[in-house]
């Protein structure tokens, strides 16, 4: 989902005080603001609309991968593991 940047005006001295005291409590101001916006979103946007918006950005279900099938070797076939196959056949 694309994100948007929000710019708000707030008194500089108040912001410094907020950052100082939030830091003392080991609170992340960015996380606090994100949480607050999420709560506003949930408060004002109807549940059906939120569900629709969120369904637009869910990753498509990926089909399960098929396991690799081993190559069948007929009985009596000798495999020489000491030779490396270079892609060419030798007489």
C-alpha atoms as a PDB file:
ATOM      1  CA  UNK A   1       0.000   0.000   0.000  1.00  0.00           C
ATOM      2  CA  UNK A   2       1.338   3.447  -0.822  1.00  0.00           C
ATOM      3  CA  UNK A   3       2.018   5.777   2.058  1.00  0.00           C
ATOM      4  CA  UNK A   4       1.433   9.495   2.313  1.00  0.00           C
ATOM      5  CA  UNK A   5       3.410  12.038   4.274  1.00  0.00           C
ATOM      6  CA  UNK A   6       1.503  14.259   6.664  1.00  0.00           C
ATOM      7  CA  UNK A   7       2.904  17.609   7.725  1.00  0.00           C
ATOM      8  CA  UNK A   8       1.487  19.353  10.752  1.00  0.00           C
ATOM      9  CA  UNK A   9       2.398  22.569  12.514  1.00  0.00           C
ATOM     10  CA  UNK A  10       3.270  22.293  16.194  1.00  0.00           C
ATOM     11  CA  UNK A  11       5.041  24.755  18.442  1.00  0.00           C
ATOM     12  CA  UNK A  12       8.755  24.030  18.449  1.00  0.00           C
ATOM     13  CA  UNK A  13       9.223  24.333  22.227  1.00  0.00           C
ATOM     14  CA  UNK A  14       6.336  21.941  22.842  1.00  0.00           C
ATOM     15  CA  UNK A  15       7.785  19.462  20.350  1.00  0.00           C
ATOM     16  CA  UNK A  16      11.189  19.556  22.060  1.00  0.00           C
ATOM     17  CA  UNK A  17       9.547  18.974  25.438  1.00  0.00           C
ATOM     18  CA  UNK A  18       7.452  16.136  24.000  1.00  0.00           C
ATOM     19  CA  UNK A  19      10.503  14.463  22.470  1.00  0.00           C
ATOM     20  CA  UNK A  20      12.447  14.874  25.713  1.00  0.00           C
ATOM     21  CA  UNK A  21       9.806  13.363  27.979  1.00  0.00           C
ATOM     22  CA  UNK A  22       8.791  10.658  25.531  1.00  0.00           C
ATOM     23  CA  UNK A  23      12.461   9.683  25.301  1.00  0.00           C
ATOM     24  CA  UNK A  24      12.673   9.417  29.099  1.00  0.00           C
ATOM     25  CA  UNK A  25       9.879   6.855  28.971  1.00  0.00           C
ATOM     26  CA  UNK A  26      11.531   5.122  26.007  1.00  0.00           C
ATOM     27  CA  UNK A  27       8.540   5.940  23.831  1.00  0.00           C
ATOM     28  CA  UNK A  28       8.989   6.342  20.092  1.00  0.00           C
ATOM     29  CA  UNK A  29       7.166   9.460  18.957  1.00  0.00           C
ATOM     30  CA  UNK A  30       6.771   8.148  15.398  1.00  0.00           C
ATOM     31  CA  UNK A  31       5.163   4.933  16.677  1.00  0.00           C
ATOM     32  CA  UNK A  32       2.885   6.926  18.957  1.00  0.00           C
ATOM     33  CA  UNK A  33       1.732   9.077  16.041  1.00  0.00           C
ATOM     34  CA  UNK A  34       1.227   6.009  13.829  1.00  0.00           C
ATOM     35  CA  UNK A  35      -0.899   4.377  16.544  1.00  0.00           C
ATOM     36  CA  UNK A  36      -2.944   7.553  16.983  1.00  0.00           C
ATOM     37  CA  UNK A  37      -3.646   7.822  13.244  1.00  0.00           C
ATOM     38  CA  UNK A  38      -4.643   4.158  13.137  1.00  0.00           C
ATOM     39  CA  UNK A  39      -7.131   4.779  15.963  1.00  0.00           C
ATOM     40  CA  UNK A  40      -8.566   7.787  14.116  1.00  0.00           C
ATOM     41  CA  UNK A  41      -8.869   5.679  10.967  1.00  0.00           C
ATOM     42  CA  UNK A  42     -10.731   2.950  12.854  1.00  0.00           C
ATOM     43  CA  UNK A  43     -12.944   5.515  14.600  1.00  0.00           C
ATOM     44  CA  UNK A  44     -14.109   7.381  11.499  1.00  0.00           C
ATOM     45  CA  UNK A  45     -13.848   4.964   8.569  1.00  0.00           C
ATOM     46  CA  UNK A  46     -16.706   2.434   8.531  1.00  0.00           C
ATOM     47  CA  UNK A  47     -15.726  -1.209   9.003  1.00  0.00           C
ATOM     48  CA  UNK A  48     -17.011  -2.220   5.547  1.00  0.00           C
ATOM     49  CA  UNK A  49     -14.892   0.470   3.905  1.00  0.00           C
ATOM     50  CA  UNK A  50     -11.798  -0.557   5.898  1.00  0.00           C
ATOM     51  CA  UNK A  51     -12.390  -4.176   4.910  1.00  0.00           C
ATOM     52  CA  UNK A  52     -12.661  -3.212   1.245  1.00  0.00           C
ATOM     53  CA  UNK A  53      -9.507  -1.074   1.347  1.00  0.00           C
ATOM     54  CA  UNK A  54      -7.508  -3.754   3.123  1.00  0.00           C
ATOM     55  CA  UNK A  55      -8.701  -6.470   0.721  1.00  0.00           C
ATOM     56  CA  UNK A  56      -7.303  -4.473  -2.193  1.00  0.00           C
ATOM     57  CA  UNK A  57      -3.785  -4.824  -0.845  1.00  0.00           C
ATOM     58  CA  UNK A  58      -3.698  -8.388   0.445  1.00  0.00           C
ATOM     59  CA  UNK A  59      -1.067 -10.429  -1.372  1.00  0.00           C
ATOM     60  CA  UNK A  60      -2.532 -12.922  -3.804  1.00  0.00           C
ATOM     61  CA  UNK A  61      -2.517 -16.454  -2.547  1.00  0.00           C
ATOM     62  CA  UNK A  62       0.396 -18.290  -4.079  1.00  0.00           C
ATOM     63  CA  UNK A  63      -0.221 -21.854  -5.179  1.00  0.00           C
ATOM     64  CA  UNK A  64       1.721 -24.439  -3.190  1.00  0.00           C
ATOM     65  CA  UNK A  65       4.975 -25.510  -4.780  1.00  0.00           C
ATOM     66  CA  UNK A  66       5.126 -29.025  -6.136  1.00  0.00           C
ATOM     67  CA  UNK A  67       7.942 -31.110  -4.733  1.00  0.00           C
ATOM     68  CA  UNK A  68      10.703 -32.009  -7.152  1.00  0.00           C
ATOM     69  CA  UNK A  69      10.211 -35.496  -8.478  1.00  0.00           C
ATOM     70  CA  UNK A  70      13.327 -37.632  -8.586  1.00  0.00           C
ATOM     71  CA  UNK A  71      14.449 -38.814 -12.001  1.00  0.00           C
ATOM     72  CA  UNK A  72      13.669 -42.465 -12.527  1.00  0.00           C
ATOM     73  CA  UNK A  73      16.698 -44.682 -13.049  1.00  0.00           C
ATOM     74  CA  UNK A  74      16.070 -48.036 -14.547  1.00  0.00           C
ATOM     75  CA  UNK A  75      17.281 -51.065 -12.587  1.00  0.00           C
ATOM     76  CA  UNK A  76      20.773 -52.219 -13.433  1.00  0.00           C
ATOM     77  CA  UNK A  77      21.949 -48.752 -14.475  1.00  0.00           C
ATOM     78  CA  UNK A  78      25.399 -47.943 -13.144  1.00  0.00           C
ATOM     79  CA  UNK A  79      26.077 -44.375 -12.037  1.00  0.00           C
ATOM     80  CA  UNK A  80      29.718 -43.322 -11.813  1.00  0.00           C
ATOM     81  CA  UNK A  81      29.739 -40.565  -9.208  1.00  0.00           C
ATOM     82  CA  UNK A  82      33.462 -39.967  -9.637  1.00  0.00           C
ATOM     83  CA  UNK A  83      32.926 -38.319 -13.037  1.00  0.00           C
ATOM     84  CA  UNK A  84      31.440 -34.877 -13.390  1.00  0.00           C
ATOM     85  CA  UNK A  85      29.017 -34.357 -16.202  1.00  0.00           C
ATOM     86  CA  UNK A  86      30.303 -31.495 -18.328  1.00  0.00           C
ATOM     87  CA  UNK A  87      27.407 -31.590 -20.724  1.00  0.00           C
ATOM     88  CA  UNK A  88      29.219 -33.583 -23.404  1.00  0.00           C
ATOM     89  CA  UNK A  89      29.108 -37.258 -24.014  1.00  0.00           C
ATOM     90  CA  UNK A  90      32.236 -39.373 -24.084  1.00  0.00           C
ATOM     91  CA  UNK A  91      32.597 -42.566 -26.125  1.00  0.00           C
END
